[in-house]
């Protein structure tokens, strides 16, 4: 009979040796209980319904259904189940995809058994744990400056294309059938969003980085 005070853990990894090692690790802690193992994401999703784990340790690189998709499906099937991504790989894409899929943690497979135990206990009560490598990538993603021009509206891109073609505000107004005052507002917004000093710099940046279709408005 299962002890209600123990944390029910399920292991998902396509390498038998990894699953065996994790099973041995779990046995060393009185408050952790292994309730199931799966070798791929698809099997894991079905097994969750049967063994009702509190926490799932999820590899990300697996056949049939990868870890990201398995995390998303498990969280859809039972939002109460917490998932920790446990992987040998760490890059911005993997970290972002795992967390967006619903993982509460992201740890490397060389994490110590004590650190992993702490992460499992934290996950059980809804607290996140991230490996330093994962945290670094997450901070990098959040603080990265957006690409030049990404904040421009469609109309501002049209105006910018006209600027790049060397047109005056009056000529832009005539081509786009908008008022002169509206053109001035768009030009001011473009200069601000592109963080340049004037329309010449805006035009240079637009051409250099391919921000506009030079045939716009023709």
C-alpha atoms as a PDB file:
ATOM      1  CA  UNK A   1       0.000   0.000   0.000  1.00  0.00           C
ATOM      2  CA  UNK A   2       1.347   3.440  -0.923  1.00  0.00           C
ATOM      3  CA  UNK A   3       2.438   5.792   1.855  1.00  0.00           C
ATOM      4  CA  UNK A   4       0.404   9.022   1.460  1.00  0.00           C
ATOM      5  CA  UNK A   5       3.268  11.022   2.970  1.00  0.00           C
ATOM      6  CA  UNK A   6       5.774   9.975   0.327  1.00  0.00           C
ATOM      7  CA  UNK A   7       6.272  11.808  -2.962  1.00  0.00           C
ATOM      8  CA  UNK A   8       5.286   9.618  -5.882  1.00  0.00           C
ATOM      9  CA  UNK A   9       7.881   9.917  -8.657  1.00  0.00           C
ATOM     10  CA  UNK A  10       7.847   8.643 -12.218  1.00  0.00           C
ATOM     11  CA  UNK A  11      10.967   8.376 -14.414  1.00  0.00           C
ATOM     12  CA  UNK A  12      10.872   8.926 -18.174  1.00  0.00           C
ATOM     13  CA  UNK A  13      14.086   8.225 -20.111  1.00  0.00           C
ATOM     14  CA  UNK A  14      14.900   6.112 -23.153  1.00  0.00           C
ATOM     15  CA  UNK A  15      18.139   4.814 -21.585  1.00  0.00           C
ATOM     16  CA  UNK A  16      17.641   1.866 -19.257  1.00  0.00           C
ATOM     17  CA  UNK A  17      20.849   2.591 -17.351  1.00  0.00           C
ATOM     18  CA  UNK A  18      19.672   6.113 -16.578  1.00  0.00           C
ATOM     19  CA  UNK A  19      16.327   4.834 -15.330  1.00  0.00           C
ATOM     20  CA  UNK A  20      18.088   2.219 -13.198  1.00  0.00           C
ATOM     21  CA  UNK A  21      20.411   4.822 -11.703  1.00  0.00           C
ATOM     22  CA  UNK A  22      17.554   7.151 -10.882  1.00  0.00           C
ATOM     23  CA  UNK A  23      15.572   4.303  -9.346  1.00  0.00           C
ATOM     24  CA  UNK A  24      18.515   3.517  -7.071  1.00  0.00           C
ATOM     25  CA  UNK A  25      18.768   7.184  -6.136  1.00  0.00           C
ATOM     26  CA  UNK A  26      15.081   7.384  -5.212  1.00  0.00           C
ATOM     27  CA  UNK A  27      15.391   4.310  -2.988  1.00  0.00           C
ATOM     28  CA  UNK A  28      17.932   6.184  -0.863  1.00  0.00           C
ATOM     29  CA  UNK A  29      15.325   8.677   0.358  1.00  0.00           C
ATOM     30  CA  UNK A  30      12.501   7.650   2.671  1.00  0.00           C
ATOM     31  CA  UNK A  31      10.164  10.384   1.445  1.00  0.00           C
ATOM     32  CA  UNK A  32      10.482   9.517  -2.254  1.00  0.00           C
ATOM     33  CA  UNK A  33       8.764   6.584  -3.955  1.00  0.00           C
ATOM     34  CA  UNK A  34       9.244   5.306  -7.507  1.00  0.00           C
ATOM     35  CA  UNK A  35       5.821   4.499  -8.963  1.00  0.00           C
ATOM     36  CA  UNK A  36       6.583   4.061 -12.665  1.00  0.00           C
ATOM     37  CA  UNK A  37       9.097   4.128 -15.514  1.00  0.00           C
ATOM     38  CA  UNK A  38       8.707   4.869 -19.220  1.00  0.00           C
ATOM     39  CA  UNK A  39      11.152   4.745 -22.112  1.00  0.00           C
ATOM     40  CA  UNK A  40       9.410   7.366 -24.286  1.00  0.00           C
ATOM     41  CA  UNK A  41       7.003  10.246 -24.034  1.00  0.00           C
ATOM     42  CA  UNK A  42       4.016   8.461 -25.512  1.00  0.00           C
ATOM     43  CA  UNK A  43       4.253   5.649 -22.967  1.00  0.00           C
ATOM     44  CA  UNK A  44       4.731   8.208 -20.207  1.00  0.00           C
ATOM     45  CA  UNK A  45       1.479   9.980 -21.017  1.00  0.00           C
ATOM     46  CA  UNK A  46      -0.479   6.721 -20.746  1.00  0.00           C
ATOM     47  CA  UNK A  47       1.372   5.645 -17.604  1.00  0.00           C
ATOM     48  CA  UNK A  48       0.610   8.881 -15.781  1.00  0.00           C
ATOM     49  CA  UNK A  49      -3.065   7.971 -15.858  1.00  0.00           C
ATOM     50  CA  UNK A  50      -2.298   4.603 -14.247  1.00  0.00           C
ATOM     51  CA  UNK A  51       0.268   5.410 -11.558  1.00  0.00           C
ATOM     52  CA  UNK A  52      -0.823   8.950 -10.619  1.00  0.00           C
ATOM     53  CA  UNK A  53       2.616  10.447  -9.846  1.00  0.00           C
ATOM     54  CA  UNK A  54       3.213  13.691  -7.998  1.00  0.00           C
ATOM     55  CA  UNK A  55       6.428  14.470  -9.882  1.00  0.00           C
ATOM     56  CA  UNK A  56       7.791  13.243 -13.240  1.00  0.00           C
ATOM     57  CA  UNK A  57      11.501  13.300 -14.113  1.00  0.00           C
ATOM     58  CA  UNK A  58      11.457  13.820 -17.869  1.00  0.00           C
ATOM     59  CA  UNK A  59      14.232  13.355 -20.404  1.00  0.00           C
ATOM     60  CA  UNK A  60      13.830  15.652 -23.421  1.00  0.00           C
ATOM     61  CA  UNK A  61      15.451  13.681 -26.243  1.00  0.00           C
ATOM     62  CA  UNK A  62      13.392  10.514 -26.781  1.00  0.00           C
ATOM     63  CA  UNK A  63      11.818   8.553 -29.657  1.00  0.00           C
ATOM     64  CA  UNK A  64       8.102   8.447 -30.554  1.00  0.00           C
ATOM     65  CA  UNK A  65       7.240  11.537 -28.509  1.00  0.00           C
ATOM     66  CA  UNK A  66       9.890  13.953 -27.286  1.00  0.00           C
ATOM     67  CA  UNK A  67      10.029  15.345 -23.780  1.00  0.00           C
ATOM     68  CA  UNK A  68       8.591  18.742 -24.656  1.00  0.00           C
ATOM     69  CA  UNK A  69       5.446  17.238 -26.195  1.00  0.00           C
ATOM     70  CA  UNK A  70       5.146  14.719 -23.368  1.00  0.00           C
ATOM     71  CA  UNK A  71       5.345  17.475 -20.761  1.00  0.00           C
ATOM     72  CA  UNK A  72       2.608  19.422 -22.511  1.00  0.00           C
ATOM     73  CA  UNK A  73       0.354  16.378 -22.817  1.00  0.00           C
ATOM     74  CA  UNK A  74       0.912  15.245 -19.236  1.00  0.00           C
ATOM     75  CA  UNK A  75       0.085  18.697 -17.940  1.00  0.00           C
ATOM     76  CA  UNK A  76      -3.049  18.683 -20.085  1.00  0.00           C
ATOM     77  CA  UNK A  77      -4.118  15.271 -18.814  1.00  0.00           C
ATOM     78  CA  UNK A  78      -3.410  16.113 -15.161  1.00  0.00           C
ATOM     79  CA  UNK A  79      -2.367  19.695 -14.278  1.00  0.00           C
ATOM     80  CA  UNK A  80      -1.595  18.561 -10.728  1.00  0.00           C
ATOM     81  CA  UNK A  81       1.398  16.529 -11.946  1.00  0.00           C
ATOM     82  CA  UNK A  82       4.645  18.489 -11.788  1.00  0.00           C
ATOM     83  CA  UNK A  83       7.364  17.757 -14.342  1.00  0.00           C
ATOM     84  CA  UNK A  84      11.093  18.315 -14.008  1.00  0.00           C
ATOM     85  CA  UNK A  85      13.074  18.239 -17.246  1.00  0.00           C
ATOM     86  CA  UNK A  86      16.177  16.140 -16.533  1.00  0.00           C
ATOM     87  CA  UNK A  87      18.521  16.194 -19.496  1.00  0.00           C
ATOM     88  CA  UNK A  88      22.100  16.129 -20.747  1.00  0.00           C
ATOM     89  CA  UNK A  89      21.452  19.072 -23.059  1.00  0.00           C
ATOM     90  CA  UNK A  90      20.906  22.726 -22.304  1.00  0.00           C
ATOM     91  CA  UNK A  91      20.367  25.479 -24.830  1.00  0.00           C
ATOM     92  CA  UNK A  92      17.977  28.399 -25.111  1.00  0.00           C
ATOM     93  CA  UNK A  93      15.518  26.551 -27.318  1.00  0.00           C
ATOM     94  CA  UNK A  94      15.284  23.472 -25.095  1.00  0.00           C
ATOM     95  CA  UNK A  95      14.915  25.517 -21.908  1.00  0.00           C
ATOM     96  CA  UNK A  96      12.257  27.766 -23.417  1.00  0.00           C
ATOM     97  CA  UNK A  97      10.296  24.889 -24.931  1.00  0.00           C
ATOM     98  CA  UNK A  98      10.360  22.806 -21.729  1.00  0.00           C
ATOM     99  CA  UNK A  99       9.188  25.681 -19.533  1.00  0.00           C
ATOM    100  CA  UNK A 100       6.532  26.788 -22.024  1.00  0.00           C
ATOM    101  CA  UNK A 101       5.282  23.186 -22.168  1.00  0.00           C
ATOM    102  CA  UNK A 102       4.739  23.303 -18.416  1.00  0.00           C
ATOM    103  CA  UNK A 103       7.899  21.984 -16.744  1.00  0.00           C
ATOM    104  CA  UNK A 104       8.450  23.357 -13.265  1.00  0.00           C
ATOM    105  CA  UNK A 105      12.158  22.574 -13.294  1.00  0.00           C
ATOM    106  CA  UNK A 106      15.093  22.117 -15.633  1.00  0.00           C
ATOM    107  CA  UNK A 107      18.082  20.149 -14.340  1.00  0.00           C
ATOM    108  CA  UNK A 108      21.132  18.496 -15.833  1.00  0.00           C
ATOM    109  CA  UNK A 109      21.751  14.771 -15.451  1.00  0.00           C
ATOM    110  CA  UNK A 110      24.995  15.444 -13.596  1.00  0.00           C
ATOM    111  CA  UNK A 111      23.017  17.090 -10.779  1.00  0.00           C
ATOM    112  CA  UNK A 112      23.864  15.566  -7.399  1.00  0.00           C
ATOM    113  CA  UNK A 113      21.350  13.222  -5.812  1.00  0.00           C
ATOM    114  CA  UNK A 114      20.823  15.618  -2.924  1.00  0.00           C
ATOM    115  CA  UNK A 115      20.113  18.515  -5.303  1.00  0.00           C
ATOM    116  CA  UNK A 116      17.697  16.375  -7.291  1.00  0.00           C
ATOM    117  CA  UNK A 117      15.898  15.308  -4.117  1.00  0.00           C
ATOM    118  CA  UNK A 118      15.534  18.959  -3.110  1.00  0.00           C
ATOM    119  CA  UNK A 119      14.163  19.787  -6.573  1.00  0.00           C
ATOM    120  CA  UNK A 120      11.609  16.962  -6.383  1.00  0.00           C
ATOM    121  CA  UNK A 121      10.403  18.137  -2.975  1.00  0.00           C
ATOM    122  CA  UNK A 122      10.188  21.708  -4.270  1.00  0.00           C
ATOM    123  CA  UNK A 123       8.233  20.599  -7.340  1.00  0.00           C
ATOM    124  CA  UNK A 124       5.764  18.747  -5.134  1.00  0.00           C
ATOM    125  CA  UNK A 125       4.769  22.047  -3.526  1.00  0.00           C
ATOM    126  CA  UNK A 126       4.847  24.009  -6.766  1.00  0.00           C
ATOM    127  CA  UNK A 127       8.283  25.611  -6.506  1.00  0.00           C
ATOM    128  CA  UNK A 128      10.574  25.832  -9.519  1.00  0.00           C
ATOM    129  CA  UNK A 129      14.200  24.698  -9.672  1.00  0.00           C
ATOM    130  CA  UNK A 130      16.519  25.594 -12.531  1.00  0.00           C
ATOM    131  CA  UNK A 131      20.065  24.484 -13.196  1.00  0.00           C
ATOM    132  CA  UNK A 132      22.493  27.435 -13.406  1.00  0.00           C
ATOM    133  CA  UNK A 133      22.906  26.763 -17.132  1.00  0.00           C
ATOM    134  CA  UNK A 134      19.145  26.875 -17.689  1.00  0.00           C
ATOM    135  CA  UNK A 135      18.785  30.030 -15.610  1.00  0.00           C
ATOM    136  CA  UNK A 136      21.505  31.702 -17.659  1.00  0.00           C
ATOM    137  CA  UNK A 137      19.710  30.884 -20.909  1.00  0.00           C
ATOM    138  CA  UNK A 138      16.372  32.042 -19.505  1.00  0.00           C
ATOM    139  CA  UNK A 139      17.801  35.387 -18.376  1.00  0.00           C
ATOM    140  CA  UNK A 140      19.466  35.805 -21.766  1.00  0.00           C
ATOM    141  CA  UNK A 141      16.153  35.244 -23.527  1.00  0.00           C
ATOM    142  CA  UNK A 142      14.304  37.705 -21.292  1.00  0.00           C
ATOM    143  CA  UNK A 143      16.889  40.469 -21.546  1.00  0.00           C
ATOM    144  CA  UNK A 144      17.831  40.133 -25.203  1.00  0.00           C
ATOM    145  CA  UNK A 145      17.135  43.252 -27.215  1.00  0.00           C
ATOM    146  CA  UNK A 146      14.450  42.636 -29.882  1.00  0.00           C
ATOM    147  CA  UNK A 147      15.568  42.821 -33.522  1.00  0.00           C
ATOM    148  CA  UNK A 148      15.582  46.255 -35.115  1.00  0.00           C
ATOM    149  CA  UNK A 149      12.229  47.027 -36.644  1.00  0.00           C
ATOM    150  CA  UNK A 150      10.312  44.321 -34.779  1.00  0.00           C
ATOM    151  CA  UNK A 151       8.076  46.945 -33.136  1.00  0.00           C
ATOM    152  CA  UNK A 152       7.107  48.709 -36.352  1.00  0.00           C
ATOM    153  CA  UNK A 153       3.485  48.522 -37.456  1.00  0.00           C
ATOM    154  CA  UNK A 154       2.578  47.578 -41.030  1.00  0.00           C
ATOM    155  CA  UNK A 155       1.843  51.217 -41.857  1.00  0.00           C
ATOM    156  CA  UNK A 156       5.138  52.345 -40.348  1.00  0.00           C
ATOM    157  CA  UNK A 157       6.948  49.802 -42.516  1.00  0.00           C
ATOM    158  CA  UNK A 158       5.225  51.274 -45.564  1.00  0.00           C
ATOM    159  CA  UNK A 159       6.325  54.756 -44.561  1.00  0.00           C
ATOM    160  CA  UNK A 160       9.848  53.492 -43.876  1.00  0.00           C
ATOM    161  CA  UNK A 161       9.976  51.947 -47.349  1.00  0.00           C
ATOM    162  CA  UNK A 162       9.059  55.320 -48.811  1.00  0.00           C
ATOM    163  CA  UNK A 163      11.750  57.013 -46.726  1.00  0.00           C
ATOM    164  CA  UNK A 164      14.261  54.457 -48.006  1.00  0.00           C
ATOM    165  CA  UNK A 165      13.187  55.409 -51.533  1.00  0.00           C
ATOM    166  CA  UNK A 166      14.148  59.009 -50.754  1.00  0.00           C
ATOM    167  CA  UNK A 167      10.618  60.394 -50.684  1.00  0.00           C
ATOM    168  CA  UNK A 168       9.618  63.562 -48.837  1.00  0.00           C
ATOM    169  CA  UNK A 169       6.759  63.639 -46.336  1.00  0.00           C
ATOM    170  CA  UNK A 170       4.489  65.253 -48.931  1.00  0.00           C
ATOM    171  CA  UNK A 171       5.305  62.559 -51.474  1.00  0.00           C
ATOM    172  CA  UNK A 172       4.710  59.816 -48.873  1.00  0.00           C
ATOM    173  CA  UNK A 173       1.332  61.329 -47.990  1.00  0.00           C
ATOM    174  CA  UNK A 174       0.342  61.360 -51.654  1.00  0.00           C
ATOM    175  CA  UNK A 175       1.524  57.812 -52.316  1.00  0.00           C
ATOM    176  CA  UNK A 176      -0.128  56.283 -49.228  1.00  0.00           C
ATOM    177  CA  UNK A 177      -3.198  58.545 -49.370  1.00  0.00           C
ATOM    178  CA  UNK A 178      -2.812  59.805 -45.812  1.00  0.00           C
ATOM    179  CA  UNK A 179      -2.452  63.290 -44.388  1.00  0.00           C
ATOM    180  CA  UNK A 180       0.839  65.136 -44.115  1.00  0.00           C
ATOM    181  CA  UNK A 181       0.421  65.300 -40.325  1.00  0.00           C
ATOM    182  CA  UNK A 182      -0.063  61.536 -40.157  1.00  0.00           C
ATOM    183  CA  UNK A 183       3.129  61.004 -42.124  1.00  0.00           C
ATOM    184  CA  UNK A 184       5.045  63.242 -39.711  1.00  0.00           C
ATOM    185  CA  UNK A 185       3.727  61.192 -36.791  1.00  0.00           C
ATOM    186  CA  UNK A 186       4.742  57.921 -38.444  1.00  0.00           C
ATOM    187  CA  UNK A 187       8.209  59.245 -39.248  1.00  0.00           C
ATOM    188  CA  UNK A 188       8.691  60.374 -35.649  1.00  0.00           C
ATOM    189  CA  UNK A 189       7.571  56.967 -34.343  1.00  0.00           C
ATOM    190  CA  UNK A 190       9.875  55.157 -36.780  1.00  0.00           C
ATOM    191  CA  UNK A 191      12.900  57.183 -35.707  1.00  0.00           C
ATOM    192  CA  UNK A 192      12.082  56.518 -32.059  1.00  0.00           C
ATOM    193  CA  UNK A 193      11.477  52.775 -32.463  1.00  0.00           C
ATOM    194  CA  UNK A 194      14.602  52.256 -34.556  1.00  0.00           C
ATOM    195  CA  UNK A 195      16.606  54.330 -32.051  1.00  0.00           C
ATOM    196  CA  UNK A 196      18.172  56.473 -34.770  1.00  0.00           C
ATOM    197  CA  UNK A 197      18.655  60.234 -34.971  1.00  0.00           C
ATOM    198  CA  UNK A 198      17.023  61.105 -38.278  1.00  0.00           C
ATOM    199  CA  UNK A 199      15.283  59.765 -41.378  1.00  0.00           C
ATOM    200  CA  UNK A 200      18.583  59.259 -43.220  1.00  0.00           C
ATOM    201  CA  UNK A 201      19.797  56.893 -40.498  1.00  0.00           C
ATOM    202  CA  UNK A 202      16.404  55.196 -40.528  1.00  0.00           C
ATOM    203  CA  UNK A 203      16.630  54.649 -44.290  1.00  0.00           C
ATOM    204  CA  UNK A 204      20.203  53.352 -44.011  1.00  0.00           C
ATOM    205  CA  UNK A 205      19.233  50.900 -41.272  1.00  0.00           C
ATOM    206  CA  UNK A 206      16.162  49.750 -43.209  1.00  0.00           C
ATOM    207  CA  UNK A 207      18.214  48.926 -46.301  1.00  0.00           C
ATOM    208  CA  UNK A 208      21.113  47.386 -44.381  1.00  0.00           C
ATOM    209  CA  UNK A 209      18.927  45.031 -42.330  1.00  0.00           C
ATOM    210  CA  UNK A 210      16.262  44.351 -44.931  1.00  0.00           C
ATOM    211  CA  UNK A 211      13.459  45.838 -42.879  1.00  0.00           C
ATOM    212  CA  UNK A 212      11.392  46.988 -45.830  1.00  0.00           C
ATOM    213  CA  UNK A 213      10.216  45.984 -49.255  1.00  0.00           C
ATOM    214  CA  UNK A 214      11.664  48.629 -51.554  1.00  0.00           C
ATOM    215  CA  UNK A 215       8.664  48.146 -53.888  1.00  0.00           C
ATOM    216  CA  UNK A 216       6.139  49.024 -51.142  1.00  0.00           C
ATOM    217  CA  UNK A 217       3.504  51.455 -52.325  1.00  0.00           C
ATOM    218  CA  UNK A 218       4.335  51.119 -56.037  1.00  0.00           C
END
